[in-house]
N, C-alpha and C. Protein backbone atom coordinates (compact mmCIF):
# COMPACT_ATOMS: atom_id res chain seq x y z
N MET A 1 180.56 145.49 68.92
CA MET A 1 179.28 145.90 69.49
C MET A 1 178.28 146.11 68.36
N ARG A 2 177.06 145.63 68.57
CA ARG A 2 176.05 145.76 67.55
C ARG A 2 175.60 147.20 67.43
N HIS A 3 175.27 147.58 66.19
CA HIS A 3 174.84 148.95 65.93
C HIS A 3 173.51 149.20 66.62
N MET A 4 173.39 150.26 67.41
CA MET A 4 172.16 150.64 68.11
C MET A 4 171.41 151.64 67.26
N THR A 5 170.09 151.48 67.15
CA THR A 5 169.28 152.43 66.40
C THR A 5 168.40 153.20 67.34
N THR A 6 168.14 154.43 66.98
CA THR A 6 167.29 155.28 67.82
C THR A 6 165.83 155.19 67.40
N GLU A 7 165.54 154.43 66.32
CA GLU A 7 164.15 154.33 65.88
C GLU A 7 163.36 153.44 66.84
N ALA A 8 162.18 153.89 67.19
CA ALA A 8 161.34 153.13 68.11
C ALA A 8 160.87 151.84 67.44
N THR A 9 160.90 150.78 68.21
CA THR A 9 160.41 149.50 67.70
C THR A 9 158.89 149.52 67.73
N PRO A 10 158.26 149.24 66.58
CA PRO A 10 156.80 149.28 66.56
C PRO A 10 156.22 148.21 67.48
N PRO A 11 155.14 148.53 68.18
CA PRO A 11 154.53 147.53 69.06
C PRO A 11 153.97 146.39 68.23
N PRO A 12 153.86 145.20 68.83
CA PRO A 12 153.30 144.08 68.09
C PRO A 12 151.86 144.37 67.70
N ALA A 13 151.49 143.87 66.56
CA ALA A 13 150.13 144.11 66.07
C ALA A 13 149.12 143.48 67.01
N THR A 14 148.07 144.22 67.31
CA THR A 14 147.01 143.69 68.15
C THR A 14 146.23 142.65 67.35
N PRO A 15 146.07 141.46 67.92
CA PRO A 15 145.33 140.44 67.16
C PRO A 15 143.92 140.90 66.91
N PRO A 16 143.38 140.55 65.76
CA PRO A 16 142.01 140.97 65.47
C PRO A 16 141.04 140.38 66.47
N ARG A 17 139.91 141.07 66.63
CA ARG A 17 138.89 140.63 67.59
C ARG A 17 138.46 139.19 67.35
N SER A 18 138.46 138.79 66.09
CA SER A 18 137.95 137.46 65.75
C SER A 18 138.80 136.34 66.31
N THR A 19 140.11 136.60 66.62
CA THR A 19 140.96 135.54 67.14
C THR A 19 140.95 135.50 68.66
N ARG A 20 140.29 136.43 69.30
CA ARG A 20 140.29 136.44 70.76
C ARG A 20 139.27 135.49 71.35
N LEU A 21 138.25 135.17 70.60
CA LEU A 21 137.28 134.21 71.09
C LEU A 21 137.89 132.81 71.09
N SER A 22 137.61 132.07 72.15
CA SER A 22 138.11 130.70 72.21
C SER A 22 137.09 129.75 71.58
N ALA A 23 137.54 128.52 71.37
CA ALA A 23 136.62 127.50 70.87
C ALA A 23 135.48 127.28 71.87
N ASP A 24 135.79 127.40 73.17
CA ASP A 24 134.76 127.24 74.19
C ASP A 24 133.72 128.35 74.11
N ASP A 25 134.14 129.56 73.76
CA ASP A 25 133.18 130.66 73.59
C ASP A 25 132.17 130.31 72.50
N TRP A 26 132.67 129.81 71.39
CA TRP A 26 131.79 129.41 70.29
C TRP A 26 130.89 128.25 70.71
N ALA A 27 131.45 127.29 71.42
CA ALA A 27 130.67 126.13 71.84
C ALA A 27 129.54 126.55 72.78
N GLN A 28 129.86 127.45 73.72
CA GLN A 28 128.83 127.91 74.65
C GLN A 28 127.75 128.70 73.92
N ALA A 29 128.15 129.53 72.97
CA ALA A 29 127.18 130.29 72.19
C ALA A 29 126.26 129.34 71.41
N ALA A 30 126.82 128.26 70.90
CA ALA A 30 126.02 127.27 70.18
C ALA A 30 125.02 126.60 71.12
N LEU A 31 125.46 126.29 72.35
CA LEU A 31 124.55 125.70 73.32
C LEU A 31 123.42 126.65 73.68
N ASP A 32 123.75 127.92 73.86
CA ASP A 32 122.71 128.91 74.17
C ASP A 32 121.69 128.98 73.04
N LEU A 33 122.17 128.89 71.81
CA LEU A 33 121.27 128.96 70.67
C LEU A 33 120.42 127.70 70.56
N ILE A 34 121.00 126.55 70.88
CA ILE A 34 120.22 125.32 70.91
C ILE A 34 119.08 125.43 71.92
N ALA A 35 119.38 125.98 73.10
CA ALA A 35 118.36 126.14 74.13
C ALA A 35 117.24 127.07 73.67
N GLU A 36 117.59 128.06 72.87
CA GLU A 36 116.60 129.04 72.44
C GLU A 36 115.80 128.58 71.22
N ALA A 37 116.47 127.92 70.28
CA ALA A 37 115.81 127.67 68.99
C ALA A 37 116.06 126.29 68.41
N GLY A 38 116.76 125.42 69.10
CA GLY A 38 116.97 124.07 68.62
C GLY A 38 118.24 123.88 67.81
N VAL A 39 118.55 122.62 67.53
CA VAL A 39 119.80 122.26 66.85
C VAL A 39 119.86 122.87 65.45
N ALA A 40 118.75 122.89 64.74
CA ALA A 40 118.74 123.39 63.36
C ALA A 40 119.13 124.86 63.28
N ALA A 41 118.98 125.59 64.38
CA ALA A 41 119.29 127.02 64.37
C ALA A 41 120.78 127.31 64.45
N VAL A 42 121.58 126.31 64.79
CA VAL A 42 123.02 126.52 64.93
C VAL A 42 123.64 126.70 63.55
N ALA A 43 124.12 127.90 63.27
CA ALA A 43 124.75 128.23 62.00
C ALA A 43 125.81 129.29 62.25
N VAL A 44 126.78 129.35 61.36
CA VAL A 44 127.94 130.21 61.60
C VAL A 44 127.56 131.69 61.62
N GLU A 45 126.81 132.15 60.63
CA GLU A 45 126.55 133.59 60.53
C GLU A 45 125.77 134.15 61.71
N PRO A 46 124.65 133.53 62.13
CA PRO A 46 123.96 134.09 63.30
C PRO A 46 124.78 134.04 64.57
N LEU A 47 125.61 133.00 64.72
CA LEU A 47 126.47 132.94 65.90
C LEU A 47 127.53 134.03 65.86
N ALA A 48 128.08 134.29 64.68
CA ALA A 48 129.08 135.36 64.56
C ALA A 48 128.45 136.71 64.90
N ARG A 49 127.24 136.95 64.42
CA ARG A 49 126.56 138.20 64.76
C ARG A 49 126.31 138.30 66.25
N ARG A 50 125.90 137.21 66.85
CA ARG A 50 125.63 137.20 68.29
C ARG A 50 126.90 137.51 69.09
N LEU A 51 128.02 136.99 68.63
CA LEU A 51 129.29 137.18 69.33
C LEU A 51 130.00 138.46 68.92
N GLY A 52 129.49 139.13 67.91
CA GLY A 52 130.09 140.39 67.48
C GLY A 52 131.41 140.23 66.77
N VAL A 53 131.54 139.16 66.01
CA VAL A 53 132.79 138.89 65.30
C VAL A 53 132.47 138.51 63.86
N THR A 54 133.52 138.34 63.08
CA THR A 54 133.35 137.88 61.69
C THR A 54 133.39 136.36 61.66
N LYS A 55 133.02 135.80 60.52
CA LYS A 55 133.05 134.35 60.36
C LYS A 55 134.48 133.81 60.42
N GLY A 56 135.46 134.69 60.21
CA GLY A 56 136.85 134.23 60.27
C GLY A 56 137.20 133.65 61.63
N SER A 57 136.59 134.20 62.70
CA SER A 57 136.84 133.66 64.04
C SER A 57 136.39 132.21 64.14
N PHE A 58 135.25 131.91 63.53
CA PHE A 58 134.75 130.54 63.55
C PHE A 58 135.74 129.60 62.87
N TYR A 59 136.17 129.95 61.67
CA TYR A 59 137.03 129.05 60.91
C TYR A 59 138.45 128.99 61.48
N TRP A 60 138.75 129.90 62.38
CA TRP A 60 140.02 129.80 63.12
C TRP A 60 140.00 128.57 64.03
N HIS A 61 138.81 128.22 64.54
CA HIS A 61 138.67 127.15 65.52
C HIS A 61 138.05 125.87 64.97
N PHE A 62 137.16 125.99 63.99
CA PHE A 62 136.40 124.82 63.54
C PHE A 62 136.38 124.74 62.01
N PRO A 63 136.51 123.53 61.49
CA PRO A 63 136.47 123.39 60.03
C PRO A 63 135.06 123.37 59.46
N SER A 64 134.05 123.11 60.33
CA SER A 64 132.69 122.98 59.82
C SER A 64 131.69 123.22 60.94
N ARG A 65 130.45 123.37 60.53
CA ARG A 65 129.36 123.56 61.49
C ARG A 65 129.20 122.31 62.36
N ASP A 66 129.34 121.11 61.77
CA ASP A 66 129.22 119.88 62.55
C ASP A 66 130.32 119.76 63.60
N ALA A 67 131.51 120.26 63.28
CA ALA A 67 132.60 120.24 64.26
C ALA A 67 132.27 121.14 65.45
N LEU A 68 131.65 122.28 65.18
CA LEU A 68 131.20 123.15 66.27
C LEU A 68 130.13 122.46 67.09
N LEU A 69 129.18 121.84 66.44
CA LEU A 69 128.11 121.15 67.15
C LEU A 69 128.68 120.05 68.02
N GLN A 70 129.66 119.32 67.50
CA GLN A 70 130.30 118.27 68.28
C GLN A 70 130.97 118.86 69.53
N ALA A 71 131.68 119.96 69.37
CA ALA A 71 132.34 120.60 70.51
C ALA A 71 131.32 121.11 71.52
N ALA A 72 130.22 121.66 71.03
CA ALA A 72 129.18 122.18 71.93
C ALA A 72 128.57 121.05 72.76
N LEU A 73 128.28 119.93 72.11
CA LEU A 73 127.68 118.82 72.84
C LEU A 73 128.66 118.17 73.80
N GLU A 74 129.93 118.13 73.44
CA GLU A 74 130.93 117.61 74.38
C GLU A 74 131.04 118.52 75.59
N ARG A 75 130.96 119.82 75.37
CA ARG A 75 130.99 120.77 76.49
C ARG A 75 129.77 120.56 77.39
N TRP A 76 128.61 120.44 76.78
CA TRP A 76 127.39 120.20 77.54
C TRP A 76 127.47 118.90 78.32
N GLU A 77 128.04 117.88 77.72
CA GLU A 77 128.16 116.57 78.37
C GLU A 77 129.04 116.67 79.61
N VAL A 78 130.13 117.41 79.52
CA VAL A 78 131.03 117.57 80.66
C VAL A 78 130.33 118.33 81.79
N VAL A 79 129.67 119.44 81.43
CA VAL A 79 128.96 120.23 82.44
C VAL A 79 127.85 119.42 83.08
N GLU A 80 127.12 118.66 82.27
CA GLU A 80 126.05 117.81 82.78
C GLU A 80 126.59 116.79 83.76
N GLN A 81 127.73 116.22 83.43
CA GLN A 81 128.36 115.23 84.30
C GLN A 81 128.73 115.86 85.63
N GLN A 82 129.32 117.04 85.59
CA GLN A 82 129.74 117.72 86.82
C GLN A 82 128.55 118.14 87.66
N THR A 83 127.48 118.57 87.01
CA THR A 83 126.31 119.07 87.73
C THR A 83 125.55 117.94 88.42
N LEU A 84 125.27 116.88 87.68
CA LEU A 84 124.42 115.82 88.21
C LEU A 84 125.17 114.83 89.08
N PHE A 85 126.46 114.65 88.81
CA PHE A 85 127.20 113.63 89.55
C PHE A 85 128.37 114.26 90.31
N GLY A 86 128.17 115.46 90.77
CA GLY A 86 129.25 116.20 91.40
C GLY A 86 129.43 115.89 92.88
N SER A 87 130.23 116.72 93.50
CA SER A 87 130.65 116.47 94.89
C SER A 87 129.51 116.60 95.88
N SER A 88 128.43 117.32 95.53
CA SER A 88 127.33 117.48 96.48
C SER A 88 126.69 116.15 96.82
N LEU A 89 126.76 115.19 95.90
CA LEU A 89 126.21 113.86 96.15
C LEU A 89 127.22 112.97 96.86
N GLU A 90 128.47 113.12 96.51
CA GLU A 90 129.50 112.26 97.08
C GLU A 90 129.64 112.44 98.59
N GLY A 91 129.28 113.63 99.09
CA GLY A 91 129.43 113.89 100.52
C GLY A 91 128.33 113.30 101.38
N LEU A 92 127.33 112.66 100.76
CA LEU A 92 126.21 112.11 101.51
C LEU A 92 126.38 110.60 101.65
N SER A 93 126.43 110.12 102.88
CA SER A 93 126.66 108.69 103.11
C SER A 93 125.38 107.87 102.97
N ASP A 94 124.23 108.48 103.26
CA ASP A 94 122.94 107.77 103.17
C ASP A 94 122.50 107.70 101.71
N PRO A 95 122.35 106.50 101.13
CA PRO A 95 121.98 106.41 99.72
C PRO A 95 120.63 107.04 99.42
N ARG A 96 119.69 107.00 100.37
CA ARG A 96 118.39 107.65 100.15
C ARG A 96 118.54 109.16 100.11
N ALA A 97 119.42 109.68 100.95
CA ALA A 97 119.69 111.12 100.92
C ALA A 97 120.36 111.52 99.61
N ARG A 98 121.22 110.64 99.07
CA ARG A 98 121.86 110.93 97.78
C ARG A 98 120.82 110.96 96.66
N LEU A 99 119.89 110.02 96.70
CA LEU A 99 118.83 110.02 95.68
C LEU A 99 117.98 111.28 95.78
N ARG A 100 117.63 111.65 96.99
CA ARG A 100 116.83 112.86 97.18
C ARG A 100 117.57 114.09 96.65
N GLU A 101 118.86 114.18 96.98
CA GLU A 101 119.65 115.32 96.52
C GLU A 101 119.78 115.32 94.99
N LEU A 102 119.93 114.14 94.41
CA LEU A 102 119.99 114.04 92.95
C LEU A 102 118.72 114.60 92.32
N PHE A 103 117.57 114.17 92.84
CA PHE A 103 116.31 114.65 92.28
C PHE A 103 116.17 116.16 92.45
N MET A 104 116.64 116.69 93.58
CA MET A 104 116.52 118.13 93.81
C MET A 104 117.48 118.91 92.92
N VAL A 105 118.69 118.37 92.69
CA VAL A 105 119.63 119.02 91.78
C VAL A 105 119.04 119.08 90.38
N VAL A 106 118.46 117.96 89.94
CA VAL A 106 117.84 117.92 88.62
C VAL A 106 116.71 118.94 88.54
N ALA A 107 115.93 119.05 89.60
CA ALA A 107 114.79 119.97 89.59
C ALA A 107 115.24 121.43 89.51
N ARG A 108 116.42 121.73 90.05
CA ARG A 108 116.87 123.12 90.10
C ARG A 108 117.53 123.58 88.81
N GLU A 109 118.05 122.65 88.01
CA GLU A 109 118.79 123.02 86.81
C GLU A 109 117.84 123.08 85.62
N MET A 110 117.70 124.26 84.99
CA MET A 110 116.73 124.41 83.92
C MET A 110 117.35 124.30 82.53
N GLN A 111 118.41 125.08 82.27
CA GLN A 111 118.93 125.10 80.90
C GLN A 111 119.40 123.74 80.40
N PRO A 112 120.08 122.92 81.23
CA PRO A 112 120.46 121.59 80.72
C PRO A 112 119.28 120.76 80.25
N HIS A 113 118.12 120.92 80.91
CA HIS A 113 116.95 120.16 80.50
C HIS A 113 116.38 120.68 79.18
N ILE A 114 116.42 122.00 79.02
CA ILE A 114 115.95 122.58 77.76
C ILE A 114 116.82 122.09 76.61
N ILE A 115 118.13 122.10 76.81
CA ILE A 115 119.05 121.62 75.77
C ILE A 115 118.79 120.14 75.49
N TYR A 116 118.64 119.35 76.54
CA TYR A 116 118.38 117.92 76.36
C TYR A 116 117.10 117.69 75.58
N SER A 117 116.05 118.45 75.91
CA SER A 117 114.79 118.33 75.21
C SER A 117 114.95 118.67 73.73
N GLU A 118 115.72 119.70 73.42
CA GLU A 118 115.95 120.07 72.02
C GLU A 118 116.77 119.00 71.30
N LEU A 119 117.71 118.40 72.00
CA LEU A 119 118.52 117.35 71.38
C LEU A 119 117.69 116.11 71.07
N LEU A 120 116.71 115.82 71.94
CA LEU A 120 115.84 114.68 71.68
C LEU A 120 115.05 114.85 70.40
N LYS A 121 114.79 116.11 70.02
CA LYS A 121 114.08 116.36 68.78
C LYS A 121 114.97 116.16 67.55
N ALA A 122 116.28 116.05 67.79
CA ALA A 122 117.23 115.97 66.67
C ALA A 122 118.02 114.66 66.70
N LEU A 123 117.38 113.59 67.15
CA LEU A 123 118.07 112.31 67.27
C LEU A 123 118.51 111.73 65.93
N ASP A 124 117.93 112.23 64.83
CA ASP A 124 118.35 111.73 63.53
C ASP A 124 119.66 112.37 63.07
N HIS A 125 120.16 113.34 63.82
CA HIS A 125 121.43 113.98 63.43
C HIS A 125 122.59 113.09 63.87
N PRO A 126 123.55 112.82 62.99
CA PRO A 126 124.63 111.89 63.32
C PRO A 126 125.55 112.36 64.44
N VAL A 127 125.60 113.66 64.70
CA VAL A 127 126.41 114.17 65.81
C VAL A 127 125.65 114.06 67.12
N VAL A 128 124.34 114.24 67.07
CA VAL A 128 123.53 114.29 68.28
C VAL A 128 123.30 112.90 68.87
N GLN A 129 122.97 111.94 68.03
CA GLN A 129 122.53 110.64 68.54
C GLN A 129 123.56 109.95 69.44
N PRO A 130 124.85 109.90 69.08
CA PRO A 130 125.81 109.21 69.98
C PRO A 130 125.91 109.88 71.35
N VAL A 131 125.82 111.20 71.39
CA VAL A 131 125.92 111.90 72.67
C VAL A 131 124.71 111.57 73.54
N ILE A 132 123.52 111.63 72.95
CA ILE A 132 122.31 111.32 73.71
C ILE A 132 122.33 109.87 74.19
N ASN A 133 122.77 108.96 73.34
CA ASN A 133 122.85 107.56 73.75
C ASN A 133 123.80 107.38 74.92
N ARG A 134 124.95 108.05 74.86
CA ARG A 134 125.94 107.96 75.94
C ARG A 134 125.38 108.50 77.24
N ILE A 135 124.78 109.68 77.17
CA ILE A 135 124.28 110.32 78.37
C ILE A 135 123.12 109.52 78.97
N SER A 136 122.22 109.04 78.13
CA SER A 136 121.08 108.28 78.64
C SER A 136 121.55 106.99 79.31
N GLN A 137 122.51 106.31 78.70
CA GLN A 137 123.02 105.08 79.29
C GLN A 137 123.71 105.37 80.62
N ARG A 138 124.51 106.44 80.67
CA ARG A 138 125.21 106.77 81.91
C ARG A 138 124.22 107.13 83.02
N ARG A 139 123.20 107.89 82.67
CA ARG A 139 122.20 108.26 83.68
C ARG A 139 121.47 107.04 84.21
N MET A 140 121.09 106.13 83.30
CA MET A 140 120.39 104.93 83.73
C MET A 140 121.27 104.07 84.63
N GLU A 141 122.52 103.89 84.25
CA GLU A 141 123.43 103.08 85.06
C GLU A 141 123.63 103.71 86.43
N TYR A 142 123.70 105.04 86.46
CA TYR A 142 123.88 105.73 87.74
C TYR A 142 122.65 105.55 88.62
N LEU A 143 121.47 105.69 88.04
CA LEU A 143 120.24 105.50 88.81
C LEU A 143 120.13 104.07 89.33
N VAL A 144 120.45 103.10 88.49
CA VAL A 144 120.40 101.70 88.94
C VAL A 144 121.34 101.50 90.12
N ALA A 145 122.55 102.02 90.02
CA ALA A 145 123.52 101.87 91.11
C ALA A 145 123.01 102.53 92.40
N MET A 146 122.40 103.70 92.28
CA MET A 146 121.91 104.39 93.48
C MET A 146 120.73 103.66 94.11
N PHE A 147 119.84 103.12 93.28
CA PHE A 147 118.72 102.35 93.84
C PHE A 147 119.21 101.04 94.46
N ARG A 148 120.26 100.46 93.87
CA ARG A 148 120.86 99.26 94.47
C ARG A 148 121.42 99.59 95.85
N GLN A 149 122.12 100.72 95.94
CA GLN A 149 122.67 101.14 97.23
C GLN A 149 121.58 101.42 98.26
N ALA A 150 120.39 101.80 97.76
CA ALA A 150 119.28 102.09 98.66
C ALA A 150 118.54 100.82 99.10
N GLY A 151 119.03 99.65 98.66
CA GLY A 151 118.50 98.41 99.18
C GLY A 151 117.69 97.56 98.22
N LEU A 152 117.51 97.99 96.98
CA LEU A 152 116.75 97.21 96.02
C LEU A 152 117.64 96.18 95.33
N ASN A 153 117.05 95.03 94.96
CA ASN A 153 117.83 94.08 94.18
C ASN A 153 117.98 94.60 92.76
N ARG A 154 118.76 93.88 91.93
CA ARG A 154 119.08 94.42 90.61
C ARG A 154 117.83 94.64 89.76
N ALA A 155 116.94 93.66 89.74
CA ALA A 155 115.75 93.80 88.90
C ALA A 155 114.89 94.97 89.39
N GLU A 156 114.70 95.07 90.70
CA GLU A 156 113.90 96.18 91.25
C GLU A 156 114.56 97.52 90.96
N ALA A 157 115.88 97.57 91.09
CA ALA A 157 116.61 98.82 90.83
C ALA A 157 116.47 99.24 89.37
N GLN A 158 116.54 98.27 88.46
CA GLN A 158 116.39 98.58 87.04
C GLN A 158 114.99 99.10 86.75
N HIS A 159 113.98 98.46 87.34
CA HIS A 159 112.61 98.92 87.14
C HIS A 159 112.43 100.35 87.69
N ARG A 160 112.95 100.59 88.87
CA ARG A 160 112.79 101.90 89.50
C ARG A 160 113.54 102.98 88.71
N ALA A 161 114.71 102.61 88.18
CA ALA A 161 115.48 103.56 87.38
C ALA A 161 114.73 103.91 86.10
N ARG A 162 114.15 102.90 85.44
CA ARG A 162 113.36 103.17 84.23
C ARG A 162 112.16 104.05 84.53
N LEU A 163 111.51 103.77 85.66
CA LEU A 163 110.35 104.57 86.04
C LEU A 163 110.76 106.02 86.31
N ALA A 164 111.87 106.21 87.03
CA ALA A 164 112.34 107.56 87.33
C ALA A 164 112.71 108.31 86.07
N TYR A 165 113.41 107.63 85.17
CA TYR A 165 113.85 108.30 83.95
C TYR A 165 112.69 108.58 83.01
N SER A 166 111.73 107.67 82.98
CA SER A 166 110.53 107.89 82.17
C SER A 166 109.73 109.08 82.70
N ALA A 167 109.66 109.20 84.02
CA ALA A 167 108.96 110.34 84.62
C ALA A 167 109.66 111.65 84.26
N TYR A 168 110.99 111.61 84.26
CA TYR A 168 111.76 112.80 83.89
C TYR A 168 111.50 113.20 82.44
N LEU A 169 111.59 112.22 81.54
CA LEU A 169 111.36 112.52 80.12
C LEU A 169 109.93 112.98 79.86
N GLY A 170 108.98 112.35 80.52
CA GLY A 170 107.60 112.76 80.36
C GLY A 170 107.35 114.17 80.85
N PHE A 171 107.98 114.53 81.95
CA PHE A 171 107.81 115.88 82.47
C PHE A 171 108.42 116.91 81.52
N LEU A 172 109.57 116.56 80.94
CA LEU A 172 110.17 117.46 79.95
C LEU A 172 109.23 117.68 78.77
N GLN A 173 108.63 116.59 78.30
CA GLN A 173 107.74 116.71 77.14
C GLN A 173 106.51 117.55 77.49
N LEU A 174 105.93 117.32 78.65
CA LEU A 174 104.77 118.10 79.06
C LEU A 174 105.12 119.58 79.19
N SER A 175 106.24 119.86 79.83
CA SER A 175 106.59 121.25 80.14
C SER A 175 107.13 122.01 78.95
N LEU A 176 107.99 121.35 78.14
CA LEU A 176 108.73 122.07 77.11
C LEU A 176 108.19 121.84 75.70
N GLN A 177 107.78 120.63 75.39
CA GLN A 177 107.35 120.35 74.03
C GLN A 177 105.84 120.56 73.85
N LEU A 178 105.06 120.09 74.82
CA LEU A 178 103.61 120.29 74.75
C LEU A 178 103.19 121.61 75.36
N GLN A 179 104.13 122.26 76.05
CA GLN A 179 103.91 123.59 76.62
C GLN A 179 102.67 123.65 77.51
N GLN A 180 102.57 122.64 78.37
CA GLN A 180 101.50 122.67 79.36
C GLN A 180 101.74 123.82 80.34
N PRO A 181 100.68 124.32 80.96
CA PRO A 181 100.87 125.44 81.90
C PRO A 181 101.90 125.12 82.96
N ARG A 182 102.77 126.09 83.21
CA ARG A 182 103.81 125.90 84.21
C ARG A 182 103.22 125.87 85.61
N MET A 183 103.84 125.06 86.47
CA MET A 183 103.43 125.01 87.86
C MET A 183 103.94 126.25 88.59
N HIS A 184 103.18 126.69 89.56
CA HIS A 184 103.70 127.70 90.47
C HIS A 184 104.77 127.05 91.35
N HIS A 185 105.55 127.89 92.00
CA HIS A 185 106.67 127.39 92.80
C HIS A 185 106.22 126.38 93.83
N ASP A 186 105.13 126.69 94.58
CA ASP A 186 104.65 125.78 95.62
C ASP A 186 104.13 124.48 95.01
N GLU A 187 103.49 124.59 93.87
CA GLU A 187 102.97 123.39 93.20
C GLU A 187 104.12 122.48 92.76
N PHE A 188 105.17 123.08 92.24
CA PHE A 188 106.31 122.28 91.79
C PHE A 188 107.00 121.62 92.98
N ASP A 189 107.16 122.34 94.08
CA ASP A 189 107.76 121.76 95.28
C ASP A 189 106.94 120.56 95.77
N ALA A 190 105.62 120.71 95.75
CA ALA A 190 104.75 119.61 96.18
C ALA A 190 104.89 118.42 95.23
N TYR A 191 105.00 118.72 93.93
CA TYR A 191 105.18 117.65 92.95
C TYR A 191 106.48 116.91 93.20
N MET A 192 107.56 117.64 93.45
CA MET A 192 108.84 117.01 93.70
C MET A 192 108.81 116.15 94.96
N GLU A 193 108.14 116.60 95.98
CA GLU A 193 108.02 115.78 97.19
C GLU A 193 107.25 114.50 96.89
N HIS A 194 106.25 114.60 96.04
CA HIS A 194 105.49 113.40 95.65
C HIS A 194 106.39 112.44 94.86
N VAL A 195 107.17 112.96 93.93
CA VAL A 195 108.10 112.13 93.15
C VAL A 195 109.08 111.44 94.08
N ILE A 196 109.66 112.20 94.97
CA ILE A 196 110.65 111.64 95.90
C ILE A 196 110.02 110.56 96.78
N GLY A 197 108.83 110.83 97.31
CA GLY A 197 108.16 109.86 98.14
C GLY A 197 107.75 108.60 97.41
N THR A 198 107.47 108.75 96.10
CA THR A 198 107.05 107.61 95.29
C THR A 198 108.22 106.75 94.85
N LEU A 199 109.33 107.37 94.49
CA LEU A 199 110.42 106.64 93.84
C LEU A 199 111.50 106.18 94.79
N ILE A 200 111.74 106.88 95.88
CA ILE A 200 112.84 106.51 96.77
C ILE A 200 112.34 105.49 97.79
N PRO A 201 113.00 104.34 97.87
CA PRO A 201 112.57 103.32 98.83
C PRO A 201 112.62 103.83 100.26
N GLN A 202 111.65 103.44 101.05
CA GLN A 202 111.59 103.84 102.47
C GLN A 202 112.38 102.88 103.33
């Protein structure tokens, strides 16, 4: 029989606070900072202060600032995919109703547009450019497919998709980069109805 001891076994050491944060926590914090101050503002020390941890937590998950930025943009890309191309559209059999719902979903989501606008300002960054290229291509292909389903031929669908995406980018620039006066709620609703009536085939 093994010798039994009466000494209490010490409890396992509590992991330091810095190891409790996940890589996703850091990625989301980086996205929040991008929305507030742009890509250039993403740095280890301010993020650590924001999260209430030491820099050791960061290096537990990421070897570099660019690795964090890559993870943040991949997270944003996944969320963007789920938001814009999610089940709310798949349940609509009428392609015109799907287009309308897509435009309304886009109109309701604010932070993804702010992040996208900030990323457009940083296209010269080697981590940012491939993500933006991927997302822009996917969005355009999706719009073309939806306009095709709504009855337009390929050339017409491509033209309409470019027009819709150009209107989206222009509105972002007016609202976020040029800081034009914001529309009141009723004004924005009327604008969206005009966009929908203009772009969606009857």
